[in-house]
N, C-alpha and C. Protein backbone atom coordinates (compact mmCIF):
# COMPACT_ATOMS: atom_id res chain seq x y z
N UNK A 1 -24.27 -0.89 -33.43
CA UNK A 1 -23.97 -1.66 -32.24
C UNK A 1 -22.70 -1.09 -31.61
N UNK A 2 -22.68 -1.00 -30.30
CA UNK A 2 -21.53 -0.46 -29.58
C UNK A 2 -21.02 -1.52 -28.62
N UNK A 3 -19.72 -1.75 -28.64
CA UNK A 3 -19.11 -2.72 -27.72
C UNK A 3 -18.88 -2.08 -26.36
N UNK A 4 -19.08 -2.86 -25.31
CA UNK A 4 -18.84 -2.36 -23.95
C UNK A 4 -17.97 -3.37 -23.23
N UNK A 5 -16.83 -2.90 -22.70
CA UNK A 5 -15.95 -3.77 -21.94
C UNK A 5 -16.64 -4.17 -20.65
N UNK A 6 -16.61 -5.45 -20.34
CA UNK A 6 -17.17 -5.93 -19.09
C UNK A 6 -16.09 -6.24 -18.07
N UNK A 7 -14.83 -6.10 -18.47
CA UNK A 7 -13.72 -6.33 -17.54
C UNK A 7 -12.55 -5.43 -17.94
N UNK A 8 -11.58 -5.36 -17.06
CA UNK A 8 -10.36 -4.60 -17.34
C UNK A 8 -9.17 -5.50 -17.05
N UNK A 9 -8.06 -5.23 -17.72
CA UNK A 9 -6.83 -5.97 -17.44
C UNK A 9 -6.29 -5.53 -16.09
N UNK A 10 -5.84 -6.45 -15.30
CA UNK A 10 -5.24 -6.13 -14.01
C UNK A 10 -3.73 -6.10 -14.17
N UNK A 11 -3.26 -5.00 -14.71
CA UNK A 11 -1.82 -4.85 -14.95
C UNK A 11 -1.19 -4.13 -13.76
N UNK A 12 -0.02 -4.57 -13.35
CA UNK A 12 0.63 -3.98 -12.18
C UNK A 12 0.88 -2.48 -12.28
N UNK A 13 1.07 -1.96 -13.50
CA UNK A 13 1.37 -0.54 -13.63
C UNK A 13 0.13 0.32 -13.85
N UNK A 14 -1.07 -0.28 -13.77
CA UNK A 14 -2.29 0.52 -13.78
C UNK A 14 -2.33 1.33 -12.49
N UNK A 15 -2.87 2.54 -12.54
CA UNK A 15 -2.80 3.45 -11.38
C UNK A 15 -3.35 2.83 -10.10
N UNK A 16 -4.55 2.27 -10.15
CA UNK A 16 -5.17 1.72 -8.94
C UNK A 16 -4.43 0.48 -8.45
N UNK A 17 -4.02 -0.39 -9.36
CA UNK A 17 -3.31 -1.61 -8.96
C UNK A 17 -1.94 -1.26 -8.38
N UNK A 18 -1.24 -0.32 -9.00
CA UNK A 18 0.08 0.09 -8.49
C UNK A 18 -0.05 0.66 -7.07
N UNK A 19 -1.05 1.53 -6.85
CA UNK A 19 -1.26 2.09 -5.50
C UNK A 19 -1.50 0.99 -4.48
N UNK A 20 -2.35 0.00 -4.84
CA UNK A 20 -2.66 -1.09 -3.92
C UNK A 20 -1.41 -1.93 -3.63
N UNK A 21 -0.66 -2.27 -4.66
CA UNK A 21 0.53 -3.12 -4.50
C UNK A 21 1.61 -2.40 -3.70
N UNK A 22 1.96 -1.19 -4.11
CA UNK A 22 3.03 -0.46 -3.43
C UNK A 22 2.60 -0.02 -2.03
N UNK A 23 1.30 0.23 -1.84
CA UNK A 23 0.79 0.57 -0.51
C UNK A 23 0.94 -0.57 0.47
N UNK A 24 1.00 -1.79 -0.04
CA UNK A 24 1.19 -2.97 0.80
C UNK A 24 2.65 -3.41 0.87
N UNK A 25 3.56 -2.60 0.34
CA UNK A 25 4.98 -2.92 0.41
C UNK A 25 5.52 -3.67 -0.79
N UNK A 26 4.69 -3.91 -1.82
CA UNK A 26 5.15 -4.61 -3.02
C UNK A 26 5.96 -3.70 -3.93
N UNK A 27 6.63 -4.29 -4.87
CA UNK A 27 7.45 -3.54 -5.83
C UNK A 27 6.93 -3.79 -7.23
N UNK A 28 6.81 -2.72 -8.03
CA UNK A 28 6.33 -2.82 -9.40
C UNK A 28 7.34 -2.16 -10.32
N UNK A 29 7.89 -2.93 -11.25
CA UNK A 29 8.76 -2.40 -12.30
C UNK A 29 9.04 -3.52 -13.29
N UNK A 30 9.50 -3.18 -14.51
CA UNK A 30 9.85 -4.22 -15.48
C UNK A 30 11.11 -4.97 -15.04
N UNK A 31 11.44 -6.00 -15.77
CA UNK A 31 12.69 -6.73 -15.52
C UNK A 31 13.86 -5.80 -15.76
N UNK A 32 14.96 -6.07 -15.08
CA UNK A 32 16.17 -5.28 -15.27
C UNK A 32 17.21 -6.17 -15.94
N UNK A 33 17.69 -5.75 -17.12
CA UNK A 33 18.70 -6.51 -17.85
C UNK A 33 20.01 -5.74 -17.78
N UNK A 34 21.07 -6.38 -17.27
CA UNK A 34 22.36 -5.70 -17.20
C UNK A 34 22.76 -5.13 -18.57
N UNK A 35 23.13 -3.88 -18.58
CA UNK A 35 23.57 -3.23 -19.81
C UNK A 35 22.43 -2.63 -20.63
N UNK A 36 21.18 -3.04 -20.34
CA UNK A 36 20.04 -2.54 -21.12
C UNK A 36 19.05 -1.78 -20.25
N UNK A 37 19.08 -1.99 -18.94
CA UNK A 37 18.13 -1.31 -18.06
C UNK A 37 16.81 -2.07 -17.98
N UNK A 38 15.73 -1.33 -17.84
CA UNK A 38 14.41 -1.94 -17.73
C UNK A 38 13.93 -2.46 -19.08
N UNK A 39 13.43 -3.69 -19.11
CA UNK A 39 12.91 -4.29 -20.34
C UNK A 39 11.61 -5.04 -20.03
N UNK A 40 10.73 -5.07 -21.01
CA UNK A 40 9.49 -5.84 -20.88
C UNK A 40 8.41 -5.12 -20.09
N UNK A 41 7.31 -5.85 -19.82
CA UNK A 41 6.18 -5.24 -19.11
C UNK A 41 6.46 -5.08 -17.63
N UNK A 42 5.69 -4.21 -16.99
CA UNK A 42 5.79 -4.05 -15.54
C UNK A 42 5.41 -5.36 -14.87
N UNK A 43 6.07 -5.66 -13.76
CA UNK A 43 5.82 -6.89 -13.03
C UNK A 43 5.72 -6.61 -11.54
N UNK A 44 5.02 -7.49 -10.83
CA UNK A 44 4.98 -7.45 -9.37
C UNK A 44 6.08 -8.41 -8.92
N UNK A 45 7.01 -7.93 -8.10
CA UNK A 45 8.17 -8.73 -7.70
C UNK A 45 8.00 -9.29 -6.30
N UNK A 46 8.47 -10.53 -6.12
CA UNK A 46 8.49 -11.13 -4.78
C UNK A 46 9.58 -10.41 -3.98
N UNK A 47 9.60 -10.56 -2.66
CA UNK A 47 10.57 -9.83 -1.83
C UNK A 47 12.04 -10.07 -2.20
N UNK A 48 12.35 -11.22 -2.80
CA UNK A 48 13.74 -11.49 -3.18
C UNK A 48 14.11 -10.84 -4.52
N UNK A 49 13.11 -10.33 -5.24
CA UNK A 49 13.28 -9.78 -6.59
C UNK A 49 13.75 -10.82 -7.60
N UNK A 50 13.54 -12.10 -7.28
CA UNK A 50 13.89 -13.18 -8.23
C UNK A 50 12.75 -13.47 -9.18
N UNK A 51 11.50 -13.32 -8.70
CA UNK A 51 10.34 -13.70 -9.50
C UNK A 51 9.45 -12.50 -9.71
N UNK A 52 9.08 -12.24 -10.97
CA UNK A 52 8.19 -11.14 -11.30
C UNK A 52 6.98 -11.65 -12.07
N UNK A 53 5.80 -11.23 -11.66
CA UNK A 53 4.56 -11.65 -12.29
C UNK A 53 3.96 -10.46 -13.02
N UNK A 54 3.65 -10.61 -14.31
CA UNK A 54 3.18 -9.49 -15.13
C UNK A 54 1.67 -9.26 -15.02
N UNK A 55 1.06 -9.72 -13.95
CA UNK A 55 -0.33 -9.42 -13.66
C UNK A 55 -0.44 -9.19 -12.16
N UNK A 56 -1.42 -8.41 -11.74
CA UNK A 56 -1.50 -8.09 -10.32
C UNK A 56 -2.53 -8.95 -9.58
N UNK A 57 -3.28 -9.76 -10.33
CA UNK A 57 -4.26 -10.66 -9.70
C UNK A 57 -4.09 -12.02 -10.34
N UNK A 58 -3.98 -13.03 -9.50
CA UNK A 58 -3.71 -14.36 -10.01
C UNK A 58 -4.11 -15.41 -8.99
N UNK A 59 -4.49 -16.58 -9.47
CA UNK A 59 -4.77 -17.72 -8.60
C UNK A 59 -3.77 -18.82 -8.94
N UNK A 60 -3.16 -19.41 -7.94
CA UNK A 60 -2.29 -20.55 -8.19
C UNK A 60 -0.81 -20.26 -8.30
N UNK A 61 -0.39 -19.03 -8.26
CA UNK A 61 1.04 -18.72 -8.30
C UNK A 61 1.58 -18.80 -6.88
N UNK A 62 2.10 -19.97 -6.52
CA UNK A 62 2.47 -20.25 -5.13
C UNK A 62 3.63 -19.42 -4.62
N UNK A 63 4.41 -18.80 -5.50
CA UNK A 63 5.50 -17.93 -5.05
C UNK A 63 4.93 -16.74 -4.30
N UNK A 64 3.68 -16.37 -4.61
CA UNK A 64 3.10 -15.14 -4.08
C UNK A 64 2.11 -15.36 -2.93
N UNK A 65 2.17 -16.51 -2.26
CA UNK A 65 1.29 -16.74 -1.12
C UNK A 65 2.06 -16.58 0.18
N UNK A 66 1.34 -16.47 1.27
CA UNK A 66 1.98 -16.33 2.58
C UNK A 66 2.75 -15.03 2.70
N UNK A 67 3.94 -15.08 3.30
CA UNK A 67 4.70 -13.84 3.52
C UNK A 67 5.21 -13.21 2.22
N UNK A 68 5.16 -13.94 1.10
CA UNK A 68 5.66 -13.41 -0.17
C UNK A 68 4.56 -12.73 -1.00
N UNK A 69 3.41 -12.45 -0.43
CA UNK A 69 2.28 -11.94 -1.21
C UNK A 69 2.67 -10.82 -2.16
N UNK A 70 3.41 -9.87 -1.73
CA UNK A 70 3.92 -8.79 -2.58
C UNK A 70 2.83 -7.98 -3.25
N UNK A 71 1.58 -8.14 -2.88
CA UNK A 71 0.50 -7.38 -3.48
C UNK A 71 -0.31 -8.13 -4.51
N UNK A 72 0.12 -9.34 -4.90
CA UNK A 72 -0.66 -10.15 -5.83
C UNK A 72 -1.81 -10.77 -5.05
N UNK A 73 -3.03 -10.59 -5.56
CA UNK A 73 -4.20 -11.14 -4.89
C UNK A 73 -5.02 -11.98 -5.86
N UNK A 74 -5.88 -12.83 -5.32
CA UNK A 74 -6.76 -13.66 -6.15
C UNK A 74 -8.19 -13.11 -6.16
N UNK A 75 -8.42 -11.99 -5.49
CA UNK A 75 -9.76 -11.42 -5.40
C UNK A 75 -10.19 -10.85 -6.76
N UNK A 76 -11.33 -11.32 -7.29
CA UNK A 76 -11.78 -10.80 -8.59
C UNK A 76 -12.40 -9.41 -8.45
N UNK A 77 -12.44 -8.71 -9.53
CA UNK A 77 -13.15 -7.44 -9.59
C UNK A 77 -14.49 -7.76 -10.25
N UNK A 78 -15.58 -7.54 -9.54
CA UNK A 78 -16.90 -7.93 -10.03
C UNK A 78 -17.70 -6.71 -10.44
N UNK A 79 -18.32 -6.79 -11.59
CA UNK A 79 -19.19 -5.72 -12.08
C UNK A 79 -20.55 -6.32 -12.40
N UNK A 80 -21.57 -5.53 -12.20
CA UNK A 80 -22.92 -5.96 -12.54
C UNK A 80 -23.43 -5.08 -13.67
N UNK A 81 -24.16 -5.69 -14.60
CA UNK A 81 -24.73 -4.95 -15.72
C UNK A 81 -26.18 -5.40 -15.89
N UNK A 82 -27.03 -4.47 -16.23
CA UNK A 82 -28.43 -4.79 -16.50
C UNK A 82 -28.60 -4.92 -18.00
N UNK A 83 -29.12 -6.06 -18.41
CA UNK A 83 -29.34 -6.31 -19.84
C UNK A 83 -30.80 -6.04 -20.15
N UNK A 84 -31.04 -5.48 -21.31
CA UNK A 84 -32.41 -5.25 -21.75
C UNK A 84 -32.63 -5.97 -23.06
N UNK A 85 -33.87 -6.26 -23.37
CA UNK A 85 -34.18 -6.95 -24.61
C UNK A 85 -34.09 -6.04 -25.82
N UNK A 86 -34.01 -4.74 -25.59
CA UNK A 86 -33.95 -3.80 -26.71
C UNK A 86 -32.58 -3.77 -27.39
N UNK A 87 -31.57 -4.29 -26.71
CA UNK A 87 -30.22 -4.31 -27.29
C UNK A 87 -29.74 -5.74 -27.43
N UNK A 88 -29.17 -6.09 -28.58
CA UNK A 88 -28.64 -7.45 -28.73
C UNK A 88 -27.37 -7.63 -27.89
N UNK A 89 -27.21 -8.80 -27.36
CA UNK A 89 -26.02 -9.11 -26.57
C UNK A 89 -25.28 -10.25 -27.26
N UNK A 90 -24.06 -9.98 -27.63
CA UNK A 90 -23.24 -11.00 -28.27
C UNK A 90 -21.98 -11.14 -27.44
N UNK A 91 -21.96 -12.08 -26.48
CA UNK A 91 -20.75 -12.24 -25.67
C UNK A 91 -19.63 -12.82 -26.50
N UNK A 92 -18.43 -12.31 -26.29
CA UNK A 92 -17.27 -12.82 -27.02
C UNK A 92 -16.15 -13.14 -26.03
N UNK A 93 -16.31 -14.24 -25.29
CA UNK A 93 -15.28 -14.59 -24.30
C UNK A 93 -14.03 -15.14 -24.97
N UNK A 94 -12.94 -15.04 -24.27
CA UNK A 94 -11.69 -15.59 -24.75
C UNK A 94 -11.09 -16.46 -23.65
N UNK A 95 -10.80 -17.74 -23.95
CA UNK A 95 -10.18 -18.57 -22.92
C UNK A 95 -8.74 -18.18 -22.64
N UNK A 96 -8.13 -17.42 -23.54
CA UNK A 96 -6.75 -16.98 -23.38
C UNK A 96 -6.67 -15.49 -23.65
N UNK A 97 -7.00 -14.64 -22.64
CA UNK A 97 -6.95 -13.20 -22.89
C UNK A 97 -5.55 -12.76 -23.29
N UNK A 98 -5.49 -11.87 -24.24
CA UNK A 98 -4.20 -11.36 -24.71
C UNK A 98 -4.25 -9.84 -24.74
N UNK A 99 -3.13 -9.21 -24.48
CA UNK A 99 -3.08 -7.75 -24.46
C UNK A 99 -3.17 -7.16 -25.85
N UNK A 100 -2.58 -7.82 -26.84
CA UNK A 100 -2.57 -7.32 -28.19
C UNK A 100 -3.51 -8.17 -29.04
N UNK A 101 -4.68 -7.63 -29.45
CA UNK A 101 -5.62 -8.44 -30.21
C UNK A 101 -5.10 -8.88 -31.57
N UNK A 102 -4.01 -8.28 -32.04
CA UNK A 102 -3.44 -8.68 -33.32
C UNK A 102 -2.46 -9.84 -33.21
N UNK A 103 -2.13 -10.22 -31.97
CA UNK A 103 -1.20 -11.32 -31.80
C UNK A 103 -1.97 -12.62 -31.63
N UNK A 104 -1.36 -13.69 -31.99
CA UNK A 104 -1.99 -15.00 -31.88
C UNK A 104 -1.20 -15.82 -30.87
N UNK A 105 -1.84 -16.30 -29.78
CA UNK A 105 -1.11 -17.09 -28.81
C UNK A 105 -0.64 -18.41 -29.43
N UNK A 106 0.59 -18.78 -29.15
CA UNK A 106 1.10 -20.05 -29.66
C UNK A 106 1.53 -20.92 -28.50
N UNK A 107 1.37 -22.25 -28.64
CA UNK A 107 1.79 -23.12 -27.53
C UNK A 107 3.31 -23.09 -27.37
N UNK A 108 3.74 -23.25 -26.13
CA UNK A 108 5.17 -23.27 -25.85
C UNK A 108 5.73 -24.66 -26.13
N UNK A 109 6.91 -24.71 -26.71
CA UNK A 109 7.56 -25.99 -26.96
C UNK A 109 8.09 -26.56 -25.64
N UNK A 110 7.95 -27.87 -25.43
CA UNK A 110 8.47 -28.45 -24.19
C UNK A 110 9.99 -28.37 -24.15
N UNK A 111 10.52 -28.30 -22.93
CA UNK A 111 11.98 -28.29 -22.79
C UNK A 111 12.53 -29.66 -23.12
N UNK A 112 13.72 -29.71 -23.74
CA UNK A 112 14.31 -31.00 -24.05
C UNK A 112 15.13 -31.50 -22.89
């Protein structure tokens, strides 16, 4: 049996996503920590550079709507696949996609 990816991560530093974001005037780079330089994953930054989103496609992030779009879009990437009865299909969806399959998502503690 061979696994086939049916989707791709929409990361800001992926070649196609970076071209689309920067072509529209957006900025892509990791966070900048004084004394340490760039840290963490690449992010799409709002025009003020106060808010960075580590994905290039999102729904509901209100910082990135209107004039602050910065290249973040809600448009999905759709693929079509033809399934045949000769091959078994075992879908394995994840309600919480993670970049590192060895990590386990944990709930965040509420602020006190």
